[in-house]
Amino acid sequence: MLVRRDRAMVAVLIMLDVGFHAGRGSTVSAAEIAERAGLARRGIEPLLQTLSRSGLLESVRGPRGGYRLGRARRDICLCDVVRTAIAEDSCSEDGPRGELQDAVVDKLWHELDASLCERLQTMTLDDLLRRAEAAGLRRPLAEPISFSI
């Protein structure tokens, strides 16, 4: 997990953005998420699809389509988000090798991964959304319905 953190961090940011701007009631588009995150839409779409296939996000088609949370924010632990994000990134064998790597460094990395996952297991998307509110960020209000003809 630690080595492949970029994809995991983007996944957490996507989930936080969807939870903050849409929740379970409305949707946000991939373009909106990408714009707010300063990322390329084409770059995050595979990750959005991965998160949707896992059930963490729900994909809605159509003119008002986009993404919304797949379940309640208090039921989404960050460890699930990170595991889902890195599941498709298989461990490559092109890294360092040797006796010290095999006997010490790999084992250390596995210990650190386990500690990190244990910590992430106790944190939910709801916790992060509360942090956002505590930092002074305000959720956007829903647009009022216009009845003008």
N, C-alpha and C. Protein backbone atom coordinates (compact mmCIF):
# COMPACT_ATOMS: atom_id res chain seq x y z
N MET A 1 0.81 -1.19 0.00
CA MET A 1 0.00 0.00 0.00
C MET A 1 0.86 1.26 0.00
N LEU A 2 1.89 1.27 0.79
CA LEU A 2 2.70 2.47 0.91
C LEU A 2 3.39 2.85 -0.39
N VAL A 3 3.86 1.85 -1.10
CA VAL A 3 4.58 2.12 -2.34
C VAL A 3 3.65 2.66 -3.41
N ARG A 4 2.44 2.15 -3.49
CA ARG A 4 1.48 2.54 -4.53
C ARG A 4 0.48 3.55 -3.99
N ARG A 5 0.94 4.51 -3.25
CA ARG A 5 0.04 5.41 -2.55
C ARG A 5 -0.65 6.42 -3.46
N ASP A 6 -0.08 6.77 -4.60
CA ASP A 6 -0.71 7.77 -5.45
C ASP A 6 -2.11 7.36 -5.86
N ARG A 7 -2.27 6.15 -6.34
CA ARG A 7 -3.59 5.67 -6.76
C ARG A 7 -4.54 5.60 -5.56
N ALA A 8 -4.02 5.17 -4.42
CA ALA A 8 -4.84 5.09 -3.21
C ALA A 8 -5.27 6.48 -2.74
N MET A 9 -4.36 7.44 -2.80
CA MET A 9 -4.70 8.80 -2.38
C MET A 9 -5.74 9.42 -3.30
N VAL A 10 -5.63 9.17 -4.58
CA VAL A 10 -6.62 9.69 -5.52
C VAL A 10 -7.98 9.04 -5.25
N ALA A 11 -7.98 7.76 -4.95
CA ALA A 11 -9.25 7.06 -4.65
C ALA A 11 -9.91 7.67 -3.41
N VAL A 12 -9.13 7.93 -2.38
CA VAL A 12 -9.68 8.55 -1.17
C VAL A 12 -10.21 9.94 -1.50
N LEU A 13 -9.47 10.70 -2.30
CA LEU A 13 -9.92 12.04 -2.69
C LEU A 13 -11.23 11.97 -3.49
N ILE A 14 -11.33 11.02 -4.41
CA ILE A 14 -12.56 10.86 -5.20
C ILE A 14 -13.73 10.55 -4.28
N MET A 15 -13.55 9.60 -3.38
CA MET A 15 -14.63 9.23 -2.46
C MET A 15 -15.03 10.42 -1.58
N LEU A 16 -14.05 11.16 -1.13
CA LEU A 16 -14.33 12.34 -0.30
C LEU A 16 -15.08 13.39 -1.11
N ASP A 17 -14.68 13.62 -2.34
CA ASP A 17 -15.35 14.59 -3.21
C ASP A 17 -16.80 14.19 -3.46
N VAL A 18 -17.02 12.92 -3.79
CA VAL A 18 -18.39 12.45 -4.03
C VAL A 18 -19.22 12.57 -2.76
N GLY A 19 -18.66 12.17 -1.63
CA GLY A 19 -19.38 12.27 -0.36
C GLY A 19 -19.69 13.71 0.01
N PHE A 20 -18.76 14.61 -0.28
CA PHE A 20 -18.91 16.01 0.08
C PHE A 20 -19.92 16.72 -0.84
N HIS A 21 -19.83 16.45 -2.13
CA HIS A 21 -20.66 17.18 -3.09
C HIS A 21 -21.95 16.47 -3.50
N ALA A 22 -22.05 15.16 -3.26
CA ALA A 22 -23.25 14.45 -3.70
C ALA A 22 -23.84 13.58 -2.61
N GLY A 23 -23.03 12.86 -1.89
CA GLY A 23 -23.54 11.92 -0.90
C GLY A 23 -24.25 10.78 -1.59
N ARG A 24 -25.39 10.35 -1.01
CA ARG A 24 -26.16 9.25 -1.62
C ARG A 24 -27.37 9.77 -2.37
N GLY A 25 -27.68 11.08 -2.23
CA GLY A 25 -28.90 11.61 -2.80
C GLY A 25 -28.78 12.17 -4.20
N SER A 26 -27.67 12.79 -4.53
CA SER A 26 -27.51 13.35 -5.86
C SER A 26 -26.22 12.80 -6.46
N THR A 27 -25.84 13.31 -7.62
CA THR A 27 -24.66 12.78 -8.30
C THR A 27 -23.71 13.92 -8.66
N VAL A 28 -22.46 13.56 -8.90
CA VAL A 28 -21.46 14.48 -9.45
C VAL A 28 -20.83 13.79 -10.65
N SER A 29 -20.47 14.56 -11.63
CA SER A 29 -19.89 13.99 -12.85
C SER A 29 -18.39 13.79 -12.67
N ALA A 30 -17.84 12.94 -13.51
CA ALA A 30 -16.40 12.71 -13.52
C ALA A 30 -15.66 14.00 -13.83
N ALA A 31 -16.23 14.81 -14.73
CA ALA A 31 -15.60 16.08 -15.09
C ALA A 31 -15.53 17.03 -13.89
N GLU A 32 -16.59 17.07 -13.08
CA GLU A 32 -16.60 17.94 -11.90
C GLU A 32 -15.56 17.47 -10.89
N ILE A 33 -15.50 16.17 -10.67
CA ILE A 33 -14.52 15.63 -9.72
C ILE A 33 -13.11 15.96 -10.19
N ALA A 34 -12.84 15.71 -11.46
CA ALA A 34 -11.52 15.96 -12.03
C ALA A 34 -11.14 17.44 -11.92
N GLU A 35 -12.09 18.32 -12.22
CA GLU A 35 -11.81 19.75 -12.16
C GLU A 35 -11.46 20.20 -10.74
N ARG A 36 -12.25 19.77 -9.77
CA ARG A 36 -11.99 20.15 -8.38
C ARG A 36 -10.68 19.58 -7.87
N ALA A 37 -10.30 18.39 -8.35
CA ALA A 37 -9.08 17.74 -7.89
C ALA A 37 -7.84 18.16 -8.68
N GLY A 38 -8.06 18.89 -9.77
CA GLY A 38 -6.94 19.30 -10.61
C GLY A 38 -6.32 18.12 -11.35
N LEU A 39 -7.16 17.16 -11.73
CA LEU A 39 -6.70 15.97 -12.42
C LEU A 39 -7.37 15.87 -13.78
N ALA A 40 -6.81 15.08 -14.65
CA ALA A 40 -7.40 14.84 -15.96
C ALA A 40 -8.56 13.85 -15.81
N ARG A 41 -9.67 14.17 -16.45
CA ARG A 41 -10.85 13.29 -16.39
C ARG A 41 -10.51 11.90 -16.87
N ARG A 42 -9.81 11.82 -17.99
CA ARG A 42 -9.45 10.52 -18.55
C ARG A 42 -8.56 9.74 -17.59
N GLY A 43 -7.82 10.44 -16.75
CA GLY A 43 -6.94 9.78 -15.80
C GLY A 43 -7.66 9.15 -14.63
N ILE A 44 -8.81 9.74 -14.23
CA ILE A 44 -9.52 9.20 -13.07
C ILE A 44 -10.65 8.24 -13.45
N GLU A 45 -11.03 8.22 -14.71
CA GLU A 45 -12.15 7.35 -15.11
C GLU A 45 -11.92 5.86 -14.81
N PRO A 46 -10.72 5.32 -15.05
CA PRO A 46 -10.54 3.90 -14.69
C PRO A 46 -10.70 3.66 -13.18
N LEU A 47 -10.27 4.60 -12.38
CA LEU A 47 -10.41 4.47 -10.93
C LEU A 47 -11.88 4.60 -10.53
N LEU A 48 -12.62 5.50 -11.17
CA LEU A 48 -14.05 5.62 -10.90
C LEU A 48 -14.77 4.32 -11.24
N GLN A 49 -14.38 3.69 -12.34
CA GLN A 49 -15.00 2.41 -12.72
C GLN A 49 -14.66 1.32 -11.71
N THR A 50 -13.43 1.31 -11.24
CA THR A 50 -13.02 0.32 -10.23
C THR A 50 -13.81 0.51 -8.95
N LEU A 51 -13.96 1.75 -8.50
CA LEU A 51 -14.72 2.04 -7.29
C LEU A 51 -16.20 1.69 -7.47
N SER A 52 -16.71 1.88 -8.67
CA SER A 52 -18.11 1.52 -8.95
C SER A 52 -18.31 0.01 -8.95
N ARG A 53 -17.40 -0.70 -9.59
CA ARG A 53 -17.51 -2.18 -9.62
C ARG A 53 -17.45 -2.77 -8.22
N SER A 54 -16.73 -2.12 -7.32
CA SER A 54 -16.60 -2.64 -5.95
C SER A 54 -17.81 -2.32 -5.09
N GLY A 55 -18.68 -1.41 -5.58
CA GLY A 55 -19.86 -1.02 -4.81
C GLY A 55 -19.63 0.17 -3.90
N LEU A 56 -18.42 0.71 -3.88
CA LEU A 56 -18.16 1.90 -3.06
C LEU A 56 -18.82 3.12 -3.67
N LEU A 57 -18.86 3.18 -4.98
CA LEU A 57 -19.58 4.23 -5.71
C LEU A 57 -20.69 3.57 -6.51
N GLU A 58 -21.68 4.37 -6.83
CA GLU A 58 -22.75 3.94 -7.72
C GLU A 58 -22.72 4.85 -8.94
N SER A 59 -22.70 4.25 -10.10
CA SER A 59 -22.68 5.00 -11.35
C SER A 59 -24.10 5.15 -11.86
N VAL A 60 -24.48 6.38 -12.19
CA VAL A 60 -25.82 6.67 -12.69
C VAL A 60 -25.68 7.21 -14.11
N ARG A 61 -26.38 6.59 -15.04
CA ARG A 61 -26.33 7.02 -16.44
C ARG A 61 -27.42 8.05 -16.73
N GLY A 62 -27.22 8.76 -17.83
CA GLY A 62 -28.23 9.70 -18.28
C GLY A 62 -27.77 11.14 -18.15
N PRO A 63 -28.65 12.09 -18.55
CA PRO A 63 -28.28 13.50 -18.55
C PRO A 63 -27.94 14.04 -17.16
N ARG A 64 -28.56 13.53 -16.14
CA ARG A 64 -28.27 13.95 -14.76
C ARG A 64 -27.40 12.90 -14.07
N GLY A 65 -26.72 12.09 -14.86
CA GLY A 65 -25.92 11.00 -14.33
C GLY A 65 -24.63 11.46 -13.70
N GLY A 66 -23.92 10.51 -13.19
CA GLY A 66 -22.66 10.77 -12.53
C GLY A 66 -22.40 9.69 -11.50
N TYR A 67 -21.81 10.11 -10.39
CA TYR A 67 -21.46 9.16 -9.34
C TYR A 67 -22.02 9.63 -8.01
N ARG A 68 -22.41 8.65 -7.20
CA ARG A 68 -22.82 8.91 -5.83
C ARG A 68 -22.31 7.76 -4.98
N LEU A 69 -22.34 7.94 -3.68
CA LEU A 69 -21.84 6.90 -2.79
C LEU A 69 -22.67 5.63 -2.93
N GLY A 70 -22.02 4.50 -2.88
CA GLY A 70 -22.68 3.22 -3.02
C GLY A 70 -23.32 2.74 -1.73
N ARG A 71 -22.91 3.29 -0.62
CA ARG A 71 -23.50 2.98 0.67
C ARG A 71 -23.27 4.15 1.60
N ALA A 72 -23.82 4.08 2.78
CA ALA A 72 -23.72 5.20 3.73
C ALA A 72 -22.26 5.51 4.04
N ARG A 73 -21.96 6.77 4.16
CA ARG A 73 -20.57 7.20 4.38
C ARG A 73 -19.98 6.64 5.66
N ARG A 74 -20.79 6.37 6.66
CA ARG A 74 -20.27 5.79 7.90
C ARG A 74 -19.92 4.32 7.72
N ASP A 75 -20.40 3.71 6.63
CA ASP A 75 -20.14 2.30 6.36
C ASP A 75 -19.00 2.08 5.37
N ILE A 76 -18.33 3.15 4.98
CA ILE A 76 -17.22 3.04 4.03
C ILE A 76 -15.92 3.31 4.79
N CYS A 77 -15.17 2.24 5.07
CA CYS A 77 -13.90 2.44 5.77
C CYS A 77 -12.81 2.70 4.74
N LEU A 78 -11.84 3.49 5.14
CA LEU A 78 -10.79 3.90 4.21
C LEU A 78 -9.94 2.72 3.75
N CYS A 79 -9.83 1.70 4.57
CA CYS A 79 -9.07 0.52 4.17
C CYS A 79 -9.71 -0.13 2.93
N ASP A 80 -11.04 -0.16 2.88
CA ASP A 80 -11.73 -0.72 1.71
C ASP A 80 -11.43 0.10 0.46
N VAL A 81 -11.41 1.42 0.61
CA VAL A 81 -11.13 2.30 -0.53
C VAL A 81 -9.71 2.05 -1.04
N VAL A 82 -8.75 2.00 -0.13
CA VAL A 82 -7.35 1.80 -0.51
C VAL A 82 -7.15 0.42 -1.12
N ARG A 83 -7.71 -0.61 -0.51
CA ARG A 83 -7.58 -1.96 -1.06
C ARG A 83 -8.16 -2.05 -2.46
N THR A 84 -9.32 -1.44 -2.65
CA THR A 84 -9.96 -1.47 -3.97
C THR A 84 -9.09 -0.75 -4.99
N ALA A 85 -8.53 0.37 -4.60
CA ALA A 85 -7.72 1.16 -5.53
C ALA A 85 -6.46 0.45 -5.97
N ILE A 86 -5.84 -0.27 -5.06
CA ILE A 86 -4.56 -0.89 -5.41
C ILE A 86 -4.71 -2.34 -5.85
N ALA A 87 -5.92 -2.88 -5.79
CA ALA A 87 -6.12 -4.28 -6.16
C ALA A 87 -5.71 -4.55 -7.60
N GLU A 88 -5.96 -3.62 -8.48
CA GLU A 88 -5.64 -3.83 -9.89
C GLU A 88 -4.17 -3.52 -10.20
N ASP A 89 -3.50 -2.86 -9.26
CA ASP A 89 -2.06 -2.60 -9.41
C ASP A 89 -1.31 -3.77 -8.82
N SER A 90 -1.04 -4.76 -9.62
CA SER A 90 -0.33 -5.92 -9.10
C SER A 90 1.10 -5.53 -8.76
N CYS A 91 1.64 -6.21 -7.81
CA CYS A 91 3.02 -5.95 -7.41
C CYS A 91 3.94 -6.28 -8.57
N SER A 92 4.71 -5.32 -8.99
CA SER A 92 5.63 -5.57 -10.09
C SER A 92 6.91 -6.17 -9.54
N GLU A 93 7.52 -6.97 -10.35
CA GLU A 93 8.75 -7.65 -9.96
C GLU A 93 9.98 -6.89 -10.45
N ASP A 94 9.81 -5.65 -10.89
CA ASP A 94 10.94 -4.91 -11.43
C ASP A 94 11.63 -4.05 -10.36
N GLY A 95 11.30 -4.23 -9.11
CA GLY A 95 11.92 -3.49 -8.03
C GLY A 95 13.23 -4.12 -7.61
N PRO A 96 13.80 -3.59 -6.55
CA PRO A 96 15.08 -4.12 -6.08
C PRO A 96 14.95 -5.56 -5.60
N ARG A 97 16.01 -6.31 -5.73
CA ARG A 97 16.06 -7.71 -5.31
C ARG A 97 17.37 -7.93 -4.57
N GLY A 98 17.46 -9.03 -3.95
CA GLY A 98 18.68 -9.40 -3.25
C GLY A 98 18.36 -9.93 -1.87
N GLU A 99 19.39 -10.44 -1.19
CA GLU A 99 19.18 -11.04 0.13
C GLU A 99 18.63 -10.05 1.14
N LEU A 100 19.20 -8.84 1.21
CA LEU A 100 18.73 -7.85 2.17
C LEU A 100 17.29 -7.42 1.87
N GLN A 101 16.99 -7.26 0.59
CA GLN A 101 15.63 -6.89 0.20
C GLN A 101 14.65 -7.97 0.65
N ASP A 102 14.97 -9.21 0.32
CA ASP A 102 14.07 -10.33 0.65
C ASP A 102 13.97 -10.58 2.15
N ALA A 103 15.08 -10.51 2.86
CA ALA A 103 15.11 -10.87 4.27
C ALA A 103 14.66 -9.75 5.20
N VAL A 104 14.85 -8.49 4.78
CA VAL A 104 14.58 -7.38 5.70
C VAL A 104 13.57 -6.38 5.15
N VAL A 105 13.86 -5.81 3.99
CA VAL A 105 13.04 -4.69 3.49
C VAL A 105 11.62 -5.13 3.15
N ASP A 106 11.47 -6.24 2.45
CA ASP A 106 10.12 -6.73 2.11
C ASP A 106 9.30 -7.00 3.36
N LYS A 107 9.93 -7.63 4.35
CA LYS A 107 9.23 -7.92 5.60
C LYS A 107 8.84 -6.63 6.33
N LEU A 108 9.73 -5.64 6.32
CA LEU A 108 9.42 -4.35 6.94
C LEU A 108 8.22 -3.70 6.24
N TRP A 109 8.22 -3.74 4.92
CA TRP A 109 7.12 -3.13 4.17
C TRP A 109 5.79 -3.82 4.46
N HIS A 110 5.81 -5.12 4.60
CA HIS A 110 4.59 -5.86 4.94
C HIS A 110 4.09 -5.47 6.34
N GLU A 111 5.00 -5.28 7.29
CA GLU A 111 4.63 -4.84 8.63
C GLU A 111 4.01 -3.45 8.59
N LEU A 112 4.62 -2.55 7.83
CA LEU A 112 4.10 -1.19 7.72
C LEU A 112 2.74 -1.18 7.04
N ASP A 113 2.58 -1.98 6.00
CA ASP A 113 1.29 -2.10 5.33
C ASP A 113 0.21 -2.57 6.30
N ALA A 114 0.54 -3.57 7.10
CA ALA A 114 -0.43 -4.10 8.07
C ALA A 114 -0.82 -3.03 9.09
N SER A 115 0.16 -2.26 9.57
CA SER A 115 -0.13 -1.20 10.53
C SER A 115 -1.00 -0.12 9.91
N LEU A 116 -0.68 0.25 8.69
CA LEU A 116 -1.45 1.28 8.01
C LEU A 116 -2.88 0.80 7.77
N CYS A 117 -3.04 -0.42 7.32
CA CYS A 117 -4.38 -0.94 7.06
C CYS A 117 -5.18 -1.03 8.35
N GLU A 118 -4.53 -1.41 9.43
CA GLU A 118 -5.21 -1.47 10.73
C GLU A 118 -5.74 -0.09 11.12
N ARG A 119 -4.94 0.95 10.90
CA ARG A 119 -5.37 2.32 11.20
C ARG A 119 -6.49 2.75 10.26
N LEU A 120 -6.37 2.46 8.98
CA LEU A 120 -7.40 2.84 8.01
C LEU A 120 -8.70 2.10 8.25
N GLN A 121 -8.63 0.92 8.84
CA GLN A 121 -9.83 0.15 9.14
C GLN A 121 -10.71 0.86 10.16
N THR A 122 -10.10 1.68 11.00
CA THR A 122 -10.86 2.40 12.04
C THR A 122 -11.39 3.74 11.56
N MET A 123 -11.01 4.16 10.37
CA MET A 123 -11.44 5.45 9.84
C MET A 123 -12.45 5.26 8.72
N THR A 124 -13.49 6.10 8.74
CA THR A 124 -14.52 6.01 7.71
C THR A 124 -14.55 7.28 6.87
N LEU A 125 -15.28 7.21 5.79
CA LEU A 125 -15.48 8.40 4.96
C LEU A 125 -16.19 9.48 5.76
N ASP A 126 -17.07 9.09 6.65
CA ASP A 126 -17.76 10.04 7.52
C ASP A 126 -16.76 10.82 8.37
N ASP A 127 -15.72 10.15 8.87
CA ASP A 127 -14.68 10.83 9.64
C ASP A 127 -14.00 11.92 8.82
N LEU A 128 -13.70 11.61 7.56
CA LEU A 128 -13.05 12.60 6.70
C LEU A 128 -13.97 13.77 6.38
N LEU A 129 -15.25 13.48 6.18
CA LEU A 129 -16.20 14.56 5.90
C LEU A 129 -16.34 15.47 7.11
N ARG A 130 -16.28 14.91 8.31
CA ARG A 130 -16.31 15.75 9.51
C ARG A 130 -15.05 16.61 9.60
N ARG A 131 -13.92 16.06 9.19
CA ARG A 131 -12.68 16.85 9.16
C ARG A 131 -12.80 18.01 8.18
N ALA A 132 -13.42 17.76 7.05
CA ALA A 132 -13.61 18.83 6.06
C ALA A 132 -14.48 19.94 6.64
N GLU A 133 -15.54 19.57 7.32
CA GLU A 133 -16.41 20.58 7.94
C GLU A 133 -15.68 21.33 9.05
N ALA A 134 -14.87 20.61 9.84
CA ALA A 134 -14.10 21.24 10.91
C ALA A 134 -13.06 22.20 10.35
N ALA A 135 -12.59 21.95 9.12
CA ALA A 135 -11.63 22.83 8.47
C ALA A 135 -12.30 24.05 7.85
N GLY A 136 -13.62 24.15 8.00
CA GLY A 136 -14.34 25.31 7.49
C GLY A 136 -14.91 25.15 6.10
N LEU A 137 -14.78 23.98 5.51
CA LEU A 137 -15.36 23.76 4.18
C LEU A 137 -16.85 23.57 4.31
N ARG A 138 -17.59 24.18 3.43
CA ARG A 138 -19.05 24.09 3.46
C ARG A 138 -19.54 23.35 2.23
N ARG A 139 -20.46 22.47 2.47
CA ARG A 139 -21.05 21.73 1.36
C ARG A 139 -21.89 22.67 0.52
N PRO A 140 -21.90 22.44 -0.79
CA PRO A 140 -22.74 23.28 -1.65
C PRO A 140 -24.21 23.01 -1.40
N LEU A 141 -24.99 24.06 -1.46
CA LEU A 141 -26.43 23.91 -1.30
C LEU A 141 -27.02 23.43 -2.62
N ALA A 142 -28.06 22.67 -2.52
CA ALA A 142 -28.75 22.21 -3.73
C ALA A 142 -29.33 23.42 -4.45
N GLU A 143 -29.29 23.38 -5.77
CA GLU A 143 -29.84 24.48 -6.55
C GLU A 143 -31.35 24.54 -6.37
N PRO A 144 -31.89 25.75 -6.15
CA PRO A 144 -33.34 25.85 -6.02
C PRO A 144 -34.04 25.53 -7.33
N ILE A 145 -35.20 24.98 -7.23
CA ILE A 145 -35.97 24.65 -8.42
C ILE A 145 -36.59 25.94 -8.96
N SER A 146 -36.42 26.13 -10.26
CA SER A 146 -36.96 27.33 -10.90
C SER A 146 -38.29 26.95 -11.59
N PHE A 147 -39.33 27.72 -11.24
CA PHE A 147 -40.64 27.46 -11.82
C PHE A 147 -41.01 28.50 -12.88
N SER A 148 -40.04 29.29 -13.31
CA SER A 148 -40.34 30.32 -14.30
C SER A 148 -40.61 29.69 -15.66
N ILE A 149 -41.51 30.34 -16.39
CA ILE A 149 -41.89 29.84 -17.71
C ILE A 149 -41.43 30.82 -18.76
